[in-house]
Amino acid sequence: MKKFVPALIIAAFILTACSPADDGKVKVAINTGPDQAIWGEVQKVAKEKYQLDVDVITFNDYVLPNEALRNKDVDANAFQSVPYLQAQSKERGYKFVTLTNTFVFPIAAYSKKIKNLAELPDNATVTISNEATTLGRSLLLLQTQGLLKLKDGVGFLPTRLDIIDNPKALKIVEVDTPQLTRTLDDPNVYLSVINNNFASQINLSASRDGLFMENAASPYVNVLVAREDNKDDPRLQKLKQAFQSKEVEAKAAEVYKGDAIKAW
């Protein structure tokens, strides 16, 4: 028996040393784009102030970051708004919790053909995201400009079926979100409503280039999310503190040039 005691002690030590809660590392899923620069600053602050190594995993997709979190491939993610999180949790049964609000990234309508809404012709084609939450968000934005009227009580998830008035007879076309920027070069497209992170990839700024955009009162605040089973992990508390630092706030202001509104 004496020969096995040291082995058991060594095995226990290895398991303890490799325990996710004690290894000083955390994996976070985000979307590609300017958020990568923000998270580069988070990595720096986390390492310098909290001795935490942050491994950032990027996706050019709105489904995979949540699947990665559910499958425990990552410990947290930061890419989605509250309405999107609620909709996906209901649809897919995610057991996620919010660690902190991050920023409001206002969506905006862009055009390469017109300079203001007065120039928008009847029967013009408008492209919007085909992802349920962003689609609804886009329709609500169009409604604020008087371009559409939606049924009362549609909440955050209206669809084209909820349009009850379309005075300019606009042709609303749904497109995969990452492809929206390409539609701006389509000769038939007069407007495209695009998420901030994708618009910025072709150097478009909502406040500078958008014909119109969401304001600071938008309910579509983004969040840093974990699973219910790891929400109290001390590494994630350090991650939250690193994210809420002045350095990260300053980096967001630099990268987004006013298109990121602090929400914590």
Protein backbone atom coordinates (compact mmCIF):
# COMPACT_ATOMS: atom_id res chain seq x y z
CA MET A 1 0.00 0.00 0.00
CA LYS A 2 2.83 2.39 0.79
CA LYS A 3 3.86 2.41 -2.88
CA PHE A 4 0.44 3.71 -3.93
CA VAL A 5 0.13 6.54 -1.42
CA PRO A 6 2.61 8.88 -3.14
CA ALA A 7 0.96 8.18 -6.50
CA LEU A 8 -2.44 9.06 -5.10
CA ILE A 9 -1.05 12.23 -3.57
CA ILE A 10 0.59 13.18 -6.86
CA ALA A 11 -2.62 12.48 -8.80
CA ALA A 12 -4.63 14.57 -6.37
CA PHE A 13 -2.11 17.37 -6.68
CA ILE A 14 -2.29 17.28 -10.49
CA LEU A 15 -6.08 17.37 -10.47
CA THR A 16 -6.05 20.27 -8.04
CA ALA A 17 -3.41 22.14 -10.02
CA CYS A 18 -5.42 21.73 -13.23
CA SER A 19 -8.76 22.64 -11.69
CA PRO A 20 -10.44 25.26 -13.94
CA ALA A 21 -11.12 27.48 -10.94
CA ASP A 22 -7.44 27.60 -9.97
CA ASP A 23 -5.53 27.62 -13.24
CA GLY A 24 -5.56 31.38 -13.70
CA LYS A 25 -6.97 31.14 -17.22
CA VAL A 26 -10.36 31.87 -18.75
CA LYS A 27 -11.74 31.47 -22.28
CA VAL A 28 -14.13 34.03 -23.74
CA ALA A 29 -16.01 33.85 -27.05
CA ILE A 30 -16.58 37.09 -28.99
CA ASN A 31 -17.39 38.17 -32.56
CA THR A 32 -14.71 39.19 -35.04
CA GLY A 33 -14.34 42.90 -35.63
CA PRO A 34 -13.44 45.91 -33.48
CA ASP A 35 -14.35 44.04 -30.29
CA GLN A 36 -11.06 42.20 -30.74
CA ALA A 37 -9.22 45.43 -29.91
CA ILE A 38 -11.43 45.93 -26.85
CA TRP A 39 -10.68 42.44 -25.65
CA GLY A 40 -6.99 42.93 -26.28
CA GLU A 41 -7.19 45.65 -23.64
CA VAL A 42 -9.19 43.35 -21.33
CA GLN A 43 -6.43 40.76 -21.67
CA LYS A 44 -3.81 43.33 -20.70
CA VAL A 45 -5.73 44.63 -17.67
CA ALA A 46 -6.64 41.12 -16.50
CA LYS A 47 -3.01 40.00 -16.63
CA GLU A 48 -1.50 43.10 -15.03
CA LYS A 49 -4.07 43.67 -12.28
CA TYR A 50 -5.54 40.23 -11.60
CA GLN A 51 -2.92 37.74 -12.82
CA LEU A 52 -5.58 36.27 -15.09
CA ASP A 53 -4.83 34.96 -18.57
CA VAL A 54 -7.75 35.61 -20.94
CA ASP A 55 -7.93 33.45 -24.06
CA VAL A 56 -10.19 35.16 -26.62
CA ILE A 57 -11.93 32.91 -29.17
CA THR A 58 -13.45 34.75 -32.16
CA PHE A 59 -16.47 33.80 -34.27
CA ASN A 60 -18.01 35.47 -37.31
CA ASP A 61 -21.40 34.12 -36.31
CA TYR A 62 -24.25 34.71 -33.86
CA VAL A 63 -24.99 31.09 -32.95
CA LEU A 64 -21.63 29.47 -32.27
CA PRO A 65 -20.54 31.64 -29.31
CA ASN A 66 -23.55 30.50 -27.27
CA GLU A 67 -23.11 26.89 -28.34
CA ALA A 68 -19.46 27.08 -27.31
CA LEU A 69 -20.51 28.38 -23.91
CA ARG A 70 -23.15 25.69 -23.41
CA ASN A 71 -20.69 22.98 -24.47
CA LYS A 72 -18.10 24.34 -22.01
CA ASP A 73 -15.62 25.06 -24.77
CA VAL A 74 -15.44 28.58 -23.31
CA ASP A 75 -16.16 29.99 -19.87
CA ALA A 76 -18.02 33.13 -20.99
CA ASN A 77 -19.03 35.07 -24.06
CA ALA A 78 -19.53 38.72 -24.92
CA PHE A 79 -21.26 39.45 -28.21
CA GLN A 80 -25.03 39.59 -27.73
CA SER A 81 -27.75 41.96 -26.64
CA VAL A 82 -30.22 41.23 -23.86
CA PRO A 83 -33.19 40.63 -26.23
CA TYR A 84 -31.09 38.23 -28.31
CA LEU A 85 -29.97 36.37 -25.20
CA GLN A 86 -33.56 36.08 -23.99
CA ALA A 87 -34.79 34.85 -27.37
CA GLN A 88 -32.01 32.30 -27.76
CA SER A 89 -32.37 31.04 -24.20
CA LYS A 90 -36.08 30.47 -24.76
CA GLU A 91 -35.52 28.76 -28.12
CA ARG A 92 -32.48 26.64 -27.22
CA GLY A 93 -32.83 26.17 -23.48
CA TYR A 94 -29.62 27.93 -22.49
CA LYS A 95 -29.01 28.26 -18.76
CA PHE A 96 -26.98 31.46 -18.87
CA VAL A 97 -26.62 34.43 -16.56
CA THR A 98 -25.37 37.97 -17.12
CA LEU A 99 -22.13 38.89 -15.36
CA THR A 100 -22.29 42.54 -16.41
CA ASN A 101 -23.66 44.86 -19.05
CA THR A 102 -21.00 45.95 -21.53
CA PHE A 103 -21.97 48.54 -24.16
CA VAL A 104 -24.84 49.61 -26.35
CA PHE A 105 -23.65 49.32 -29.94
CA PRO A 106 -26.29 51.19 -31.94
CA ILE A 107 -27.34 49.77 -35.28
CA ALA A 108 -27.79 52.21 -38.13
CA ALA A 109 -29.07 52.50 -41.67
CA TYR A 110 -26.43 53.09 -44.35
CA SER A 111 -26.59 53.92 -48.03
CA LYS A 112 -24.24 54.51 -50.94
CA LYS A 113 -27.02 56.01 -53.07
CA ILE A 114 -28.75 58.64 -50.97
CA LYS A 115 -27.62 61.24 -48.44
CA ASN A 116 -30.87 61.63 -46.50
CA LEU A 117 -34.28 60.02 -46.19
CA ALA A 118 -35.95 62.67 -48.33
CA GLU A 119 -34.15 61.09 -51.30
CA LEU A 120 -35.47 57.57 -50.60
CA PRO A 121 -37.74 56.64 -53.53
CA ASP A 122 -40.93 54.61 -53.38
CA ASN A 123 -40.49 50.86 -53.93
CA ALA A 124 -36.86 51.05 -52.80
CA THR A 125 -35.16 47.88 -51.58
CA VAL A 126 -34.01 47.84 -47.95
CA THR A 127 -31.86 45.00 -46.61
CA ILE A 128 -32.00 43.86 -42.99
CA SER A 129 -30.64 40.93 -41.01
CA ASN A 130 -32.47 37.60 -41.20
CA GLU A 131 -31.52 36.74 -37.61
CA ALA A 132 -34.70 37.01 -35.53
CA THR A 133 -33.60 39.50 -32.89
CA THR A 134 -31.62 41.74 -35.22
CA LEU A 135 -34.43 41.58 -37.77
CA GLY A 136 -36.89 42.83 -35.14
CA ARG A 137 -34.45 45.48 -34.00
CA SER A 138 -34.09 46.70 -37.60
CA LEU A 139 -37.84 46.88 -38.16
CA LEU A 140 -38.25 48.86 -34.94
CA LEU A 141 -35.57 51.28 -36.10
CA LEU A 142 -37.30 51.73 -39.46
CA GLN A 143 -40.52 52.40 -37.58
CA THR A 144 -38.92 55.22 -35.58
CA GLN A 145 -38.24 56.98 -38.90
CA GLY A 146 -41.84 56.63 -40.07
CA LEU A 147 -40.86 54.23 -42.85
CA LEU A 148 -43.00 51.43 -41.43
CA LYS A 149 -45.74 50.89 -38.90
CA LEU A 150 -45.84 47.69 -36.86
CA LYS A 151 -48.66 46.05 -34.93
CA ASP A 152 -49.02 47.18 -31.34
CA GLY A 153 -47.45 44.94 -28.71
CA VAL A 154 -44.91 43.21 -30.96
CA GLY A 155 -42.16 43.61 -28.37
CA PHE A 156 -38.56 43.08 -29.46
CA LEU A 157 -39.25 40.40 -32.05
CA PRO A 158 -41.47 41.79 -34.80
CA THR A 159 -41.27 40.18 -38.24
CA ARG A 160 -42.27 41.41 -41.68
CA LEU A 161 -45.69 39.86 -41.04
CA ASP A 162 -46.20 42.50 -38.32
CA ILE A 163 -45.92 45.40 -40.78
CA ILE A 164 -49.35 47.02 -41.04
CA ASP A 165 -48.34 50.11 -42.98
CA ASN A 166 -45.59 50.65 -45.53
CA PRO A 167 -46.24 54.10 -47.05
CA LYS A 168 -43.33 53.98 -49.50
CA ALA A 169 -44.01 50.35 -50.48
CA LEU A 170 -40.45 49.49 -49.48
CA LYS A 171 -39.16 46.05 -50.42
CA ILE A 172 -37.75 44.59 -47.21
CA VAL A 173 -35.19 41.87 -47.99
CA GLU A 174 -33.68 39.65 -45.30
CA VAL A 175 -29.98 38.80 -45.64
CA ASP A 176 -27.44 36.84 -43.59
CA THR A 177 -26.01 39.38 -41.16
CA PRO A 178 -22.34 39.15 -42.27
CA GLN A 179 -23.42 39.81 -45.87
CA LEU A 180 -25.32 43.05 -45.21
CA THR A 181 -22.36 45.30 -45.94
CA ARG A 182 -22.02 43.75 -49.41
CA THR A 183 -25.59 44.69 -50.28
CA LEU A 184 -24.63 48.36 -50.17
CA ASP A 185 -23.00 47.85 -53.58
CA ASP A 186 -26.11 46.25 -55.04
CA PRO A 187 -27.60 48.69 -57.58
CA ASN A 188 -31.10 47.89 -56.32
CA VAL A 189 -30.43 48.47 -52.61
CA TYR A 190 -31.00 51.96 -51.24
CA LEU A 191 -30.70 51.25 -47.51
CA SER A 192 -29.16 48.56 -45.36
CA VAL A 193 -29.59 48.33 -41.59
CA ILE A 194 -26.31 46.96 -40.24
CA ASN A 195 -24.95 45.97 -36.84
CA ASN A 196 -22.11 48.10 -35.54
CA ASN A 197 -19.51 45.32 -35.45
CA PHE A 198 -20.07 44.37 -39.10
CA ALA A 199 -20.37 47.96 -40.34
CA SER A 200 -17.09 48.86 -38.69
CA GLN A 201 -15.32 46.12 -40.64
CA ILE A 202 -15.72 48.27 -43.76
CA ASN A 203 -14.96 51.48 -41.84
CA LEU A 204 -18.54 52.63 -41.40
CA SER A 205 -19.47 54.49 -38.23
CA ALA A 206 -23.08 54.75 -37.06
CA SER A 207 -22.64 58.29 -35.73
CA ARG A 208 -20.62 59.47 -38.72
CA ASP A 209 -22.02 57.55 -41.70
CA GLY A 210 -25.45 56.35 -40.69
CA LEU A 211 -28.50 58.06 -42.17
CA PHE A 212 -30.18 57.29 -38.84
CA MET A 213 -29.32 55.17 -35.82
CA GLU A 214 -30.49 53.95 -32.43
CA ASN A 215 -30.03 56.28 -29.48
CA ALA A 216 -28.70 55.75 -25.97
CA ALA A 217 -32.13 54.63 -24.75
CA SER A 218 -31.91 51.45 -26.81
CA PRO A 219 -32.86 48.29 -24.84
CA TYR A 220 -30.32 46.35 -26.89
CA VAL A 221 -27.52 46.53 -24.37
CA ASN A 222 -24.78 43.93 -24.82
CA VAL A 223 -23.77 41.64 -21.98
CA LEU A 224 -20.93 39.48 -20.68
CA VAL A 225 -22.49 36.06 -20.11
CA ALA A 226 -21.61 32.88 -18.22
CA ARG A 227 -23.38 29.63 -17.45
CA GLU A 228 -25.39 29.20 -14.28
CA ASP A 229 -22.98 26.48 -13.17
CA ASN A 230 -19.89 28.70 -13.34
CA LYS A 231 -21.24 32.16 -12.57
CA ASP A 232 -19.49 32.25 -9.17
CA ASP A 233 -16.11 31.15 -10.53
CA PRO A 234 -13.59 33.64 -9.06
CA ARG A 235 -11.87 33.88 -12.45
CA LEU A 236 -15.05 35.29 -13.95
CA GLN A 237 -15.32 37.88 -11.20
CA LYS A 238 -11.79 38.99 -12.07
CA LEU A 239 -12.76 39.05 -15.74
CA LYS A 240 -15.74 41.24 -14.94
CA GLN A 241 -13.56 43.66 -12.96
CA ALA A 242 -11.01 43.81 -15.78
CA PHE A 243 -13.76 44.56 -18.30
CA GLN A 244 -15.21 47.35 -16.17
CA SER A 245 -11.87 49.13 -15.99
CA LYS A 246 -11.18 52.68 -17.12
CA GLU A 247 -8.63 51.30 -19.57
CA VAL A 248 -11.26 49.23 -21.38
CA GLU A 249 -13.72 52.13 -21.40
CA ALA A 250 -11.05 54.34 -22.96
CA LYS A 251 -10.16 51.71 -25.56
CA ALA A 252 -13.82 51.39 -26.57
CA ALA A 253 -14.05 55.16 -27.01
CA GLU A 254 -10.91 55.08 -29.16
CA VAL A 255 -11.99 52.12 -31.30
CA TYR A 256 -15.66 52.95 -31.75
CA LYS A 257 -15.29 56.75 -31.89
CA GLY A 258 -18.51 57.39 -30.02
CA ASP A 259 -20.41 54.37 -31.34
CA ALA A 260 -20.07 52.41 -28.08
CA ILE A 261 -22.13 53.62 -25.14
CA LYS A 262 -20.95 52.41 -21.72
CA ALA A 263 -23.70 50.46 -19.95
CA TRP A 264 -22.27 49.28 -16.62
